[in-house]
Amino acid sequence: VLPNGEATHALADIGVVFLLFTLGLDFLWARMLAMRREVFGLGALQVVGSTSAFAMVGTMLGLPLLVAIAVGGALSMSSTAIVIRQLTEQAEVNRTHGRLSLAILLFQDLAFVPLLALATAVAAGNAGQAFSTRGVLVTLAQGIFALLVVLVGGRVLLRPLFLEISRSRLKELFTLLV
């Protein structure tokens, strides 16, 4: 058990950044646009359905609603890296079930940021800080906005920069940028 302090929170934030970076490596914008119906239809159905089911169980066990939703959201997530590796090893990525699994995983990766914002807001409320439904909604909106900024910024700013560095063929420069 780690002590509850600034250093622990900083390490947790760094861990989340690395996790999101790893998820971003598997995230293909063009693929998501081509599969947008599956991603936002089936993916949303899986996340909302699973989150709701787990949240309902949580509230029946006595958890407050927002805590139950945060726990339900965490339980509704899958490991993108493990599933994609398994589908790739079995040459099933381009089969129907592989494509649908990928759509669900893509939506889960997108839903991760708002769910993380919700969990942060709930944790802040449990720590005695100002906790309200409005505060949670503001935090969720900030998480969604941050996701959009990262997606657009990465596409507009980082992609051309990575292309230039790859043309230079300097491994050290690429590693430094990453």
N, C-alpha and C. Protein backbone atom coordinates (compact mmCIF):
# COMPACT_ATOMS: atom_id res chain seq x y z
N VAL A 1 0.85 -1.18 0.00
CA VAL A 1 0.00 0.00 0.00
C VAL A 1 0.89 1.23 0.00
N LEU A 2 0.62 2.14 -0.93
CA LEU A 2 1.39 3.37 -1.03
C LEU A 2 0.77 4.46 -0.16
N PRO A 3 1.61 5.34 0.38
CA PRO A 3 1.05 6.44 1.17
C PRO A 3 0.27 7.40 0.27
N ASN A 4 -0.76 8.03 0.82
CA ASN A 4 -1.59 8.97 0.07
C ASN A 4 -0.93 10.34 0.14
N GLY A 5 -0.21 10.71 -0.92
CA GLY A 5 0.48 11.99 -0.95
C GLY A 5 0.66 12.49 -2.36
N GLU A 6 1.34 13.61 -2.48
CA GLU A 6 1.57 14.23 -3.79
C GLU A 6 2.40 13.34 -4.71
N ALA A 7 3.42 12.70 -4.16
CA ALA A 7 4.27 11.84 -4.99
C ALA A 7 3.47 10.65 -5.53
N THR A 8 2.61 10.08 -4.71
CA THR A 8 1.78 8.95 -5.16
C THR A 8 0.83 9.39 -6.26
N HIS A 9 0.22 10.56 -6.09
CA HIS A 9 -0.69 11.07 -7.13
C HIS A 9 0.06 11.37 -8.42
N ALA A 10 1.27 11.91 -8.31
CA ALA A 10 2.06 12.19 -9.51
C ALA A 10 2.41 10.90 -10.24
N LEU A 11 2.80 9.85 -9.49
CA LEU A 11 3.10 8.56 -10.11
C LEU A 11 1.86 7.96 -10.77
N ALA A 12 0.71 8.12 -10.12
CA ALA A 12 -0.54 7.61 -10.70
C ALA A 12 -0.85 8.35 -12.00
N ASP A 13 -0.66 9.67 -12.01
CA ASP A 13 -0.91 10.44 -13.23
C ASP A 13 0.02 10.03 -14.36
N ILE A 14 1.29 9.80 -14.04
CA ILE A 14 2.24 9.34 -15.05
C ILE A 14 1.83 7.98 -15.58
N GLY A 15 1.38 7.10 -14.70
CA GLY A 15 0.91 5.78 -15.12
C GLY A 15 -0.27 5.87 -16.08
N VAL A 16 -1.20 6.77 -15.78
CA VAL A 16 -2.36 6.95 -16.67
C VAL A 16 -1.92 7.50 -18.02
N VAL A 17 -0.97 8.42 -18.03
CA VAL A 17 -0.46 8.97 -19.29
C VAL A 17 0.16 7.86 -20.13
N PHE A 18 0.98 7.00 -19.50
CA PHE A 18 1.59 5.89 -20.24
C PHE A 18 0.53 4.91 -20.74
N LEU A 19 -0.49 4.66 -19.93
CA LEU A 19 -1.56 3.78 -20.36
C LEU A 19 -2.27 4.35 -21.58
N LEU A 20 -2.60 5.64 -21.53
CA LEU A 20 -3.28 6.27 -22.66
C LEU A 20 -2.38 6.31 -23.89
N PHE A 21 -1.08 6.50 -23.70
CA PHE A 21 -0.14 6.48 -24.83
C PHE A 21 -0.14 5.10 -25.48
N THR A 22 -0.12 4.05 -24.65
CA THR A 22 -0.15 2.68 -25.18
C THR A 22 -1.44 2.41 -25.94
N LEU A 23 -2.57 2.87 -25.40
CA LEU A 23 -3.84 2.71 -26.10
C LEU A 23 -3.83 3.47 -27.42
N GLY A 24 -3.22 4.64 -27.42
CA GLY A 24 -3.16 5.45 -28.63
C GLY A 24 -2.34 4.81 -29.74
N LEU A 25 -1.39 3.96 -29.39
CA LEU A 25 -0.59 3.28 -30.40
C LEU A 25 -1.44 2.35 -31.25
N ASP A 26 -2.49 1.77 -30.66
CA ASP A 26 -3.37 0.86 -31.39
C ASP A 26 -4.54 1.58 -32.04
N PHE A 27 -4.68 2.87 -31.79
CA PHE A 27 -5.84 3.62 -32.24
C PHE A 27 -5.61 4.13 -33.67
N LEU A 28 -6.43 3.68 -34.59
CA LEU A 28 -6.31 4.11 -35.98
C LEU A 28 -7.55 4.93 -36.35
N TRP A 29 -7.35 6.20 -36.59
CA TRP A 29 -8.46 7.11 -36.88
C TRP A 29 -9.22 6.67 -38.14
N ALA A 30 -8.51 6.33 -39.18
CA ALA A 30 -9.15 5.93 -40.43
C ALA A 30 -9.99 4.67 -40.23
N ARG A 31 -9.47 3.74 -39.46
CA ARG A 31 -10.21 2.50 -39.20
C ARG A 31 -11.48 2.79 -38.40
N MET A 32 -11.38 3.72 -37.43
CA MET A 32 -12.56 4.04 -36.64
C MET A 32 -13.62 4.71 -37.50
N LEU A 33 -13.21 5.59 -38.39
CA LEU A 33 -14.18 6.24 -39.27
C LEU A 33 -14.84 5.24 -40.21
N ALA A 34 -14.07 4.28 -40.70
CA ALA A 34 -14.64 3.27 -41.58
C ALA A 34 -15.62 2.36 -40.83
N MET A 35 -15.41 2.20 -39.54
CA MET A 35 -16.25 1.32 -38.74
C MET A 35 -17.14 2.10 -37.78
N ARG A 36 -17.43 3.36 -38.09
CA ARG A 36 -18.12 4.23 -37.13
C ARG A 36 -19.46 3.68 -36.66
N ARG A 37 -20.19 3.00 -37.53
CA ARG A 37 -21.48 2.43 -37.09
C ARG A 37 -21.28 1.34 -36.05
N GLU A 38 -20.31 0.48 -36.29
CA GLU A 38 -20.03 -0.57 -35.33
C GLU A 38 -19.44 0.00 -34.04
N VAL A 39 -18.51 0.96 -34.19
CA VAL A 39 -17.85 1.54 -33.02
C VAL A 39 -18.86 2.25 -32.14
N PHE A 40 -19.62 3.18 -32.73
CA PHE A 40 -20.53 3.99 -31.92
C PHE A 40 -21.88 3.30 -31.68
N GLY A 41 -22.18 2.26 -32.41
CA GLY A 41 -23.41 1.51 -32.18
C GLY A 41 -23.17 0.36 -31.22
N LEU A 42 -22.46 -0.66 -31.71
CA LEU A 42 -22.19 -1.85 -30.91
C LEU A 42 -21.29 -1.53 -29.72
N GLY A 43 -20.27 -0.71 -29.95
CA GLY A 43 -19.37 -0.34 -28.85
C GLY A 43 -20.09 0.40 -27.73
N ALA A 44 -20.92 1.37 -28.12
CA ALA A 44 -21.68 2.12 -27.12
C ALA A 44 -22.66 1.21 -26.40
N LEU A 45 -23.29 0.32 -27.14
CA LEU A 45 -24.24 -0.62 -26.53
C LEU A 45 -23.55 -1.50 -25.49
N GLN A 46 -22.36 -2.00 -25.83
CA GLN A 46 -21.64 -2.84 -24.88
C GLN A 46 -21.24 -2.06 -23.63
N VAL A 47 -20.65 -0.88 -23.80
CA VAL A 47 -20.18 -0.10 -22.65
C VAL A 47 -21.36 0.35 -21.79
N VAL A 48 -22.38 0.93 -22.41
CA VAL A 48 -23.53 1.42 -21.65
C VAL A 48 -24.28 0.26 -21.01
N GLY A 49 -24.47 -0.83 -21.75
CA GLY A 49 -25.18 -1.98 -21.21
C GLY A 49 -24.44 -2.62 -20.04
N SER A 50 -23.15 -2.87 -20.21
CA SER A 50 -22.36 -3.49 -19.14
C SER A 50 -22.24 -2.57 -17.94
N THR A 51 -21.98 -1.29 -18.21
CA THR A 51 -21.88 -0.32 -17.11
C THR A 51 -23.18 -0.25 -16.33
N SER A 52 -24.30 -0.21 -17.04
CA SER A 52 -25.61 -0.15 -16.38
C SER A 52 -25.87 -1.40 -15.55
N ALA A 53 -25.58 -2.57 -16.10
CA ALA A 53 -25.81 -3.81 -15.37
C ALA A 53 -24.96 -3.86 -14.10
N PHE A 54 -23.67 -3.55 -14.23
CA PHE A 54 -22.79 -3.56 -13.06
C PHE A 54 -23.20 -2.47 -12.06
N ALA A 55 -23.60 -1.31 -12.55
CA ALA A 55 -24.03 -0.23 -11.66
C ALA A 55 -25.29 -0.61 -10.90
N MET A 56 -26.19 -1.31 -11.57
CA MET A 56 -27.41 -1.75 -10.90
C MET A 56 -27.08 -2.72 -9.76
N VAL A 57 -26.18 -3.64 -10.02
CA VAL A 57 -25.75 -4.57 -8.98
C VAL A 57 -25.08 -3.79 -7.85
N GLY A 58 -24.25 -2.81 -8.20
CA GLY A 58 -23.58 -2.00 -7.18
C GLY A 58 -24.55 -1.23 -6.30
N THR A 59 -25.58 -0.65 -6.90
CA THR A 59 -26.57 0.09 -6.10
C THR A 59 -27.36 -0.87 -5.22
N MET A 60 -27.63 -2.09 -5.72
CA MET A 60 -28.33 -3.07 -4.89
C MET A 60 -27.46 -3.51 -3.70
N LEU A 61 -26.15 -3.43 -3.88
CA LEU A 61 -25.23 -3.76 -2.79
C LEU A 61 -24.97 -2.58 -1.86
N GLY A 62 -25.60 -1.42 -2.17
CA GLY A 62 -25.51 -0.27 -1.27
C GLY A 62 -24.53 0.82 -1.68
N LEU A 63 -23.95 0.73 -2.87
CA LEU A 63 -23.05 1.79 -3.32
C LEU A 63 -23.86 3.01 -3.75
N PRO A 64 -23.33 4.21 -3.51
CA PRO A 64 -23.98 5.40 -4.07
C PRO A 64 -23.99 5.32 -5.60
N LEU A 65 -24.96 5.96 -6.25
CA LEU A 65 -25.16 5.82 -7.69
C LEU A 65 -23.91 6.16 -8.50
N LEU A 66 -23.29 7.31 -8.24
CA LEU A 66 -22.12 7.70 -9.04
C LEU A 66 -20.94 6.75 -8.82
N VAL A 67 -20.78 6.27 -7.61
CA VAL A 67 -19.71 5.29 -7.34
C VAL A 67 -20.02 3.99 -8.08
N ALA A 68 -21.28 3.56 -8.06
CA ALA A 68 -21.68 2.35 -8.77
C ALA A 68 -21.45 2.49 -10.27
N ILE A 69 -21.73 3.67 -10.82
CA ILE A 69 -21.49 3.90 -12.25
C ILE A 69 -19.99 3.84 -12.56
N ALA A 70 -19.16 4.45 -11.70
CA ALA A 70 -17.71 4.42 -11.92
C ALA A 70 -17.18 2.99 -11.85
N VAL A 71 -17.65 2.23 -10.87
CA VAL A 71 -17.22 0.83 -10.75
C VAL A 71 -17.73 0.02 -11.94
N GLY A 72 -18.99 0.24 -12.32
CA GLY A 72 -19.55 -0.45 -13.48
C GLY A 72 -18.79 -0.14 -14.75
N GLY A 73 -18.39 1.12 -14.92
CA GLY A 73 -17.60 1.50 -16.09
C GLY A 73 -16.25 0.80 -16.10
N ALA A 74 -15.62 0.70 -14.94
CA ALA A 74 -14.32 0.02 -14.87
C ALA A 74 -14.47 -1.47 -15.20
N LEU A 75 -15.54 -2.08 -14.72
CA LEU A 75 -15.75 -3.50 -14.98
C LEU A 75 -16.17 -3.79 -16.42
N SER A 76 -16.67 -2.78 -17.12
CA SER A 76 -17.11 -3.00 -18.50
C SER A 76 -15.97 -2.92 -19.52
N MET A 77 -14.77 -2.55 -19.07
CA MET A 77 -13.63 -2.41 -19.97
C MET A 77 -12.93 -3.74 -20.20
N SER A 78 -12.31 -3.87 -21.37
CA SER A 78 -11.50 -5.04 -21.72
C SER A 78 -10.09 -4.57 -21.99
N SER A 79 -9.16 -5.49 -22.05
CA SER A 79 -7.78 -5.14 -22.37
C SER A 79 -7.60 -5.16 -23.89
N THR A 80 -7.46 -3.98 -24.47
CA THR A 80 -7.28 -3.86 -25.91
C THR A 80 -6.05 -4.62 -26.37
N ALA A 81 -4.95 -4.47 -25.65
CA ALA A 81 -3.69 -5.09 -26.07
C ALA A 81 -3.81 -6.61 -26.10
N ILE A 82 -4.43 -7.19 -25.08
CA ILE A 82 -4.54 -8.65 -25.02
C ILE A 82 -5.47 -9.18 -26.11
N VAL A 83 -6.62 -8.55 -26.28
CA VAL A 83 -7.59 -9.03 -27.27
C VAL A 83 -7.03 -8.89 -28.68
N ILE A 84 -6.42 -7.76 -29.00
CA ILE A 84 -5.88 -7.57 -30.35
C ILE A 84 -4.75 -8.56 -30.62
N ARG A 85 -3.90 -8.78 -29.62
CA ARG A 85 -2.81 -9.75 -29.80
C ARG A 85 -3.39 -11.14 -30.06
N GLN A 86 -4.40 -11.51 -29.30
CA GLN A 86 -5.01 -12.84 -29.48
C GLN A 86 -5.65 -12.97 -30.86
N LEU A 87 -6.40 -11.95 -31.27
CA LEU A 87 -7.04 -11.99 -32.59
C LEU A 87 -5.99 -12.05 -33.71
N THR A 88 -4.90 -11.31 -33.53
CA THR A 88 -3.84 -11.29 -34.54
C THR A 88 -3.15 -12.65 -34.62
N GLU A 89 -2.84 -13.24 -33.46
CA GLU A 89 -2.17 -14.55 -33.45
C GLU A 89 -3.02 -15.62 -34.11
N GLN A 90 -4.33 -15.51 -33.98
CA GLN A 90 -5.23 -16.52 -34.55
C GLN A 90 -5.72 -16.11 -35.94
N ALA A 91 -5.17 -15.03 -36.49
CA ALA A 91 -5.53 -14.53 -37.83
C ALA A 91 -7.04 -14.30 -37.96
N GLU A 92 -7.63 -13.68 -36.93
CA GLU A 92 -9.07 -13.46 -36.93
C GLU A 92 -9.44 -11.98 -36.88
N VAL A 93 -8.47 -11.09 -37.05
CA VAL A 93 -8.74 -9.65 -36.99
C VAL A 93 -9.70 -9.22 -38.09
N ASN A 94 -9.56 -9.78 -39.27
CA ASN A 94 -10.39 -9.36 -40.41
C ASN A 94 -11.66 -10.19 -40.58
N ARG A 95 -11.89 -11.13 -39.69
CA ARG A 95 -13.15 -11.89 -39.73
C ARG A 95 -14.23 -11.06 -39.03
N THR A 96 -15.48 -11.44 -39.21
CA THR A 96 -16.59 -10.65 -38.69
C THR A 96 -16.49 -10.45 -37.18
N HIS A 97 -16.26 -11.51 -36.43
CA HIS A 97 -16.20 -11.36 -34.97
C HIS A 97 -14.97 -10.56 -34.55
N GLY A 98 -13.89 -10.66 -35.30
CA GLY A 98 -12.70 -9.86 -35.00
C GLY A 98 -12.95 -8.38 -35.24
N ARG A 99 -13.64 -8.07 -36.34
CA ARG A 99 -13.95 -6.67 -36.66
C ARG A 99 -14.90 -6.08 -35.62
N LEU A 100 -15.89 -6.86 -35.20
CA LEU A 100 -16.84 -6.38 -34.19
C LEU A 100 -16.15 -6.22 -32.83
N SER A 101 -15.25 -7.14 -32.51
CA SER A 101 -14.48 -7.01 -31.27
C SER A 101 -13.63 -5.76 -31.30
N LEU A 102 -13.00 -5.49 -32.44
CA LEU A 102 -12.18 -4.30 -32.58
C LEU A 102 -13.02 -3.04 -32.42
N ALA A 103 -14.24 -3.03 -32.96
CA ALA A 103 -15.13 -1.88 -32.82
C ALA A 103 -15.46 -1.62 -31.36
N ILE A 104 -15.76 -2.68 -30.63
CA ILE A 104 -16.05 -2.53 -29.20
C ILE A 104 -14.83 -2.02 -28.45
N LEU A 105 -13.66 -2.55 -28.77
CA LEU A 105 -12.43 -2.11 -28.12
C LEU A 105 -12.13 -0.65 -28.40
N LEU A 106 -12.36 -0.21 -29.65
CA LEU A 106 -12.13 1.19 -29.97
C LEU A 106 -13.05 2.11 -29.16
N PHE A 107 -14.32 1.73 -29.04
CA PHE A 107 -15.22 2.55 -28.24
C PHE A 107 -14.81 2.53 -26.77
N GLN A 108 -14.38 1.39 -26.27
CA GLN A 108 -13.93 1.33 -24.88
C GLN A 108 -12.74 2.25 -24.65
N ASP A 109 -11.82 2.28 -25.62
CA ASP A 109 -10.66 3.18 -25.50
C ASP A 109 -11.11 4.63 -25.44
N LEU A 110 -12.12 4.99 -26.23
CA LEU A 110 -12.64 6.35 -26.20
C LEU A 110 -13.41 6.62 -24.91
N ALA A 111 -14.14 5.65 -24.42
CA ALA A 111 -14.94 5.82 -23.21
C ALA A 111 -14.07 5.84 -21.95
N PHE A 112 -12.83 5.39 -22.07
CA PHE A 112 -11.95 5.33 -20.92
C PHE A 112 -11.72 6.70 -20.30
N VAL A 113 -11.53 7.71 -21.12
CA VAL A 113 -11.21 9.05 -20.60
C VAL A 113 -12.37 9.62 -19.78
N PRO A 114 -13.62 9.65 -20.31
CA PRO A 114 -14.71 10.15 -19.47
C PRO A 114 -14.93 9.30 -18.20
N LEU A 115 -14.74 7.99 -18.30
CA LEU A 115 -14.90 7.15 -17.11
C LEU A 115 -13.80 7.44 -16.09
N LEU A 116 -12.60 7.71 -16.56
CA LEU A 116 -11.51 8.07 -15.66
C LEU A 116 -11.81 9.42 -15.00
N ALA A 117 -12.38 10.34 -15.76
CA ALA A 117 -12.76 11.64 -15.18
C ALA A 117 -13.85 11.46 -14.13
N LEU A 118 -14.81 10.58 -14.39
CA LEU A 118 -15.86 10.30 -13.41
C LEU A 118 -15.27 9.69 -12.15
N ALA A 119 -14.36 8.74 -12.30
CA ALA A 119 -13.73 8.11 -11.14
C ALA A 119 -12.95 9.13 -10.33
N THR A 120 -12.27 10.06 -11.02
CA THR A 120 -11.52 11.12 -10.32
C THR A 120 -12.47 12.02 -9.55
N ALA A 121 -13.59 12.39 -10.17
CA ALA A 121 -14.57 13.24 -9.49
C ALA A 121 -15.18 12.54 -8.28
N VAL A 122 -15.47 11.25 -8.43
CA VAL A 122 -16.04 10.49 -7.31
C VAL A 122 -15.01 10.37 -6.18
N ALA A 123 -13.74 10.11 -6.54
CA ALA A 123 -12.69 10.01 -5.53
C ALA A 123 -12.51 11.35 -4.81
N ALA A 124 -12.57 12.46 -5.54
CA ALA A 124 -12.45 13.77 -4.92
C ALA A 124 -13.61 14.01 -3.96
N GLY A 125 -14.79 13.58 -4.34
CA GLY A 125 -15.96 13.72 -3.47
C GLY A 125 -15.83 12.89 -2.21
N ASN A 126 -15.28 11.70 -2.34
CA ASN A 126 -15.10 10.83 -1.18
C ASN A 126 -13.97 11.33 -0.28
N ALA A 127 -13.08 12.15 -0.83
CA ALA A 127 -11.98 12.70 -0.03
C ALA A 127 -12.40 13.96 0.71
N GLY A 128 -13.67 14.32 0.63
CA GLY A 128 -14.17 15.46 1.38
C GLY A 128 -14.16 16.76 0.61
N GLN A 129 -13.75 16.73 -0.64
CA GLN A 129 -13.77 17.94 -1.44
C GLN A 129 -15.18 18.16 -1.95
N ALA A 130 -15.41 19.32 -2.56
CA ALA A 130 -16.74 19.64 -3.07
C ALA A 130 -17.20 18.56 -4.04
N PHE A 131 -18.32 17.94 -3.75
CA PHE A 131 -18.82 16.84 -4.55
C PHE A 131 -20.28 17.10 -4.88
N SER A 132 -20.56 17.17 -6.16
CA SER A 132 -21.94 17.39 -6.58
C SER A 132 -22.11 16.79 -7.97
N THR A 133 -23.36 16.59 -8.34
CA THR A 133 -23.64 16.06 -9.67
C THR A 133 -23.13 17.04 -10.73
N ARG A 134 -23.31 18.33 -10.48
CA ARG A 134 -22.82 19.35 -11.42
C ARG A 134 -21.29 19.26 -11.55
N GLY A 135 -20.61 19.08 -10.42
CA GLY A 135 -19.15 18.94 -10.45
C GLY A 135 -18.71 17.73 -11.25
N VAL A 136 -19.43 16.63 -11.10
CA VAL A 136 -19.12 15.41 -11.85
C VAL A 136 -19.33 15.65 -13.34
N LEU A 137 -20.44 16.31 -13.70
CA LEU A 137 -20.71 16.59 -15.12
C LEU A 137 -19.65 17.51 -15.71
N VAL A 138 -19.21 18.50 -14.94
CA VAL A 138 -18.15 19.40 -15.42
C VAL A 138 -16.86 18.62 -15.62
N THR A 139 -16.53 17.75 -14.68
CA THR A 139 -15.32 16.94 -14.82
C THR A 139 -15.40 16.01 -16.02
N LEU A 140 -16.57 15.40 -16.24
CA LEU A 140 -16.76 14.55 -17.42
C LEU A 140 -16.62 15.35 -18.71
N ALA A 141 -17.20 16.55 -18.74
CA ALA A 141 -17.09 17.40 -19.93
C ALA A 141 -15.62 17.76 -20.18
N GLN A 142 -14.88 18.03 -19.12
CA GLN A 142 -13.46 18.34 -19.26
C GLN A 142 -12.69 17.13 -19.81
N GLY A 143 -13.06 15.94 -19.35
CA GLY A 143 -12.41 14.73 -19.85
C GLY A 143 -12.68 14.51 -21.33
N ILE A 144 -13.92 14.73 -21.74
CA ILE A 144 -14.27 14.58 -23.16
C ILE A 144 -13.55 15.64 -23.99
N PHE A 145 -13.50 16.86 -23.48
CA PHE A 145 -12.79 17.93 -24.19
C PHE A 145 -11.30 17.60 -24.32
N ALA A 146 -10.71 17.08 -23.24
CA ALA A 146 -9.29 16.71 -23.27
C ALA A 146 -9.05 15.61 -24.31
N LEU A 147 -9.96 14.65 -24.39
CA LEU A 147 -9.84 13.59 -25.38
C LEU A 147 -9.86 14.16 -26.80
N LEU A 148 -10.78 15.07 -27.06
CA LEU A 148 -10.86 15.68 -28.39
C LEU A 148 -9.62 16.50 -28.71
N VAL A 149 -9.11 17.23 -27.72
CA VAL A 149 -7.88 18.02 -27.94
C VAL A 149 -6.71 17.11 -28.28
N VAL A 150 -6.59 16.00 -27.55
CA VAL A 150 -5.49 15.07 -27.80
C VAL A 150 -5.62 14.43 -29.18
N LEU A 151 -6.84 14.02 -29.55
CA LEU A 151 -7.04 13.39 -30.86
C LEU A 151 -6.74 14.37 -31.99
N VAL A 152 -7.30 15.57 -31.91
CA VAL A 152 -7.09 16.56 -32.97
C VAL A 152 -5.64 17.05 -32.97
N GLY A 153 -5.11 17.35 -31.78
CA GLY A 153 -3.72 17.82 -31.69
C GLY A 153 -2.74 16.79 -32.19
N GLY A 154 -2.96 15.54 -31.83
CA GLY A 154 -2.07 14.48 -32.30
C GLY A 154 -2.11 14.34 -33.80
N ARG A 155 -3.30 14.46 -34.36
CA ARG A 155 -3.45 14.32 -35.81
C ARG A 155 -2.84 15.51 -36.55
N VAL A 156 -3.09 16.71 -36.07
CA VAL A 156 -2.66 17.92 -36.78
C VAL A 156 -1.19 18.24 -36.51
N LEU A 157 -0.74 18.06 -35.25
CA LEU A 157 0.62 18.48 -34.90
C LEU A 157 1.64 17.34 -34.92
N LEU A 158 1.30 16.24 -34.29
CA LEU A 158 2.30 15.19 -34.12
C LEU A 158 2.53 14.36 -35.38
N ARG A 159 1.49 14.12 -36.14
CA ARG A 159 1.67 13.29 -37.34
C ARG A 159 2.70 13.89 -38.30
N PRO A 160 2.60 15.19 -38.65
CA PRO A 160 3.64 15.76 -39.54
C PRO A 160 5.03 15.75 -38.90
N LEU A 161 5.07 15.96 -37.59
CA LEU A 161 6.36 15.95 -36.90
C LEU A 161 6.99 14.55 -36.95
N PHE A 162 6.21 13.51 -36.68
CA PHE A 162 6.72 12.14 -36.76
C PHE A 162 7.14 11.79 -38.19
N LEU A 163 6.42 12.28 -39.20
CA LEU A 163 6.81 12.03 -40.58
C LEU A 163 8.16 12.65 -40.90
N GLU A 164 8.37 13.87 -40.46
CA GLU A 164 9.66 14.53 -40.69
C GLU A 164 10.80 13.79 -40.00
N ILE A 165 10.56 13.37 -38.79
CA ILE A 165 11.60 12.66 -38.05
C ILE A 165 11.87 11.30 -38.69
N SER A 166 10.84 10.63 -39.18
CA SER A 166 11.08 9.33 -39.83
C SER A 166 11.86 9.50 -41.13
N ARG A 167 11.67 10.62 -41.80
CA ARG A 167 12.45 10.88 -43.02
C ARG A 167 13.92 11.10 -42.71
N SER A 168 14.21 11.64 -41.52
CA SER A 168 15.60 11.89 -41.14
C SER A 168 16.35 10.60 -40.82
N ARG A 169 15.60 9.52 -40.52
CA ARG A 169 16.15 8.21 -40.22
C ARG A 169 17.11 8.22 -39.02
N LEU A 170 16.86 9.11 -38.07
CA LEU A 170 17.65 9.17 -36.85
C LEU A 170 16.85 8.53 -35.72
N LYS A 171 17.24 7.32 -35.32
CA LYS A 171 16.51 6.60 -34.28
C LYS A 171 16.49 7.37 -32.97
N GLU A 172 17.60 8.00 -32.66
CA GLU A 172 17.70 8.73 -31.39
C GLU A 172 16.73 9.89 -31.33
N LEU A 173 16.58 10.59 -32.46
CA LEU A 173 15.65 11.72 -32.51
C LEU A 173 14.21 11.23 -32.36
N PHE A 174 13.89 10.11 -32.97
CA PHE A 174 12.55 9.54 -32.84
C PHE A 174 12.28 9.15 -31.38
N THR A 175 13.26 8.49 -30.76
CA THR A 175 13.11 8.09 -29.35
C THR A 175 12.99 9.31 -28.45
N LEU A 176 13.74 10.35 -28.73
CA LEU A 176 13.67 11.58 -27.95
C LEU A 176 12.29 12.22 -28.05
N LEU A 177 11.72 12.24 -29.24
CA LEU A 177 10.40 12.82 -29.42
C LEU A 177 9.34 12.02 -28.68
N VAL A 178 9.42 10.71 -28.77
CA VAL A 178 8.46 9.87 -28.06
C VAL A 178 8.57 10.10 -26.58
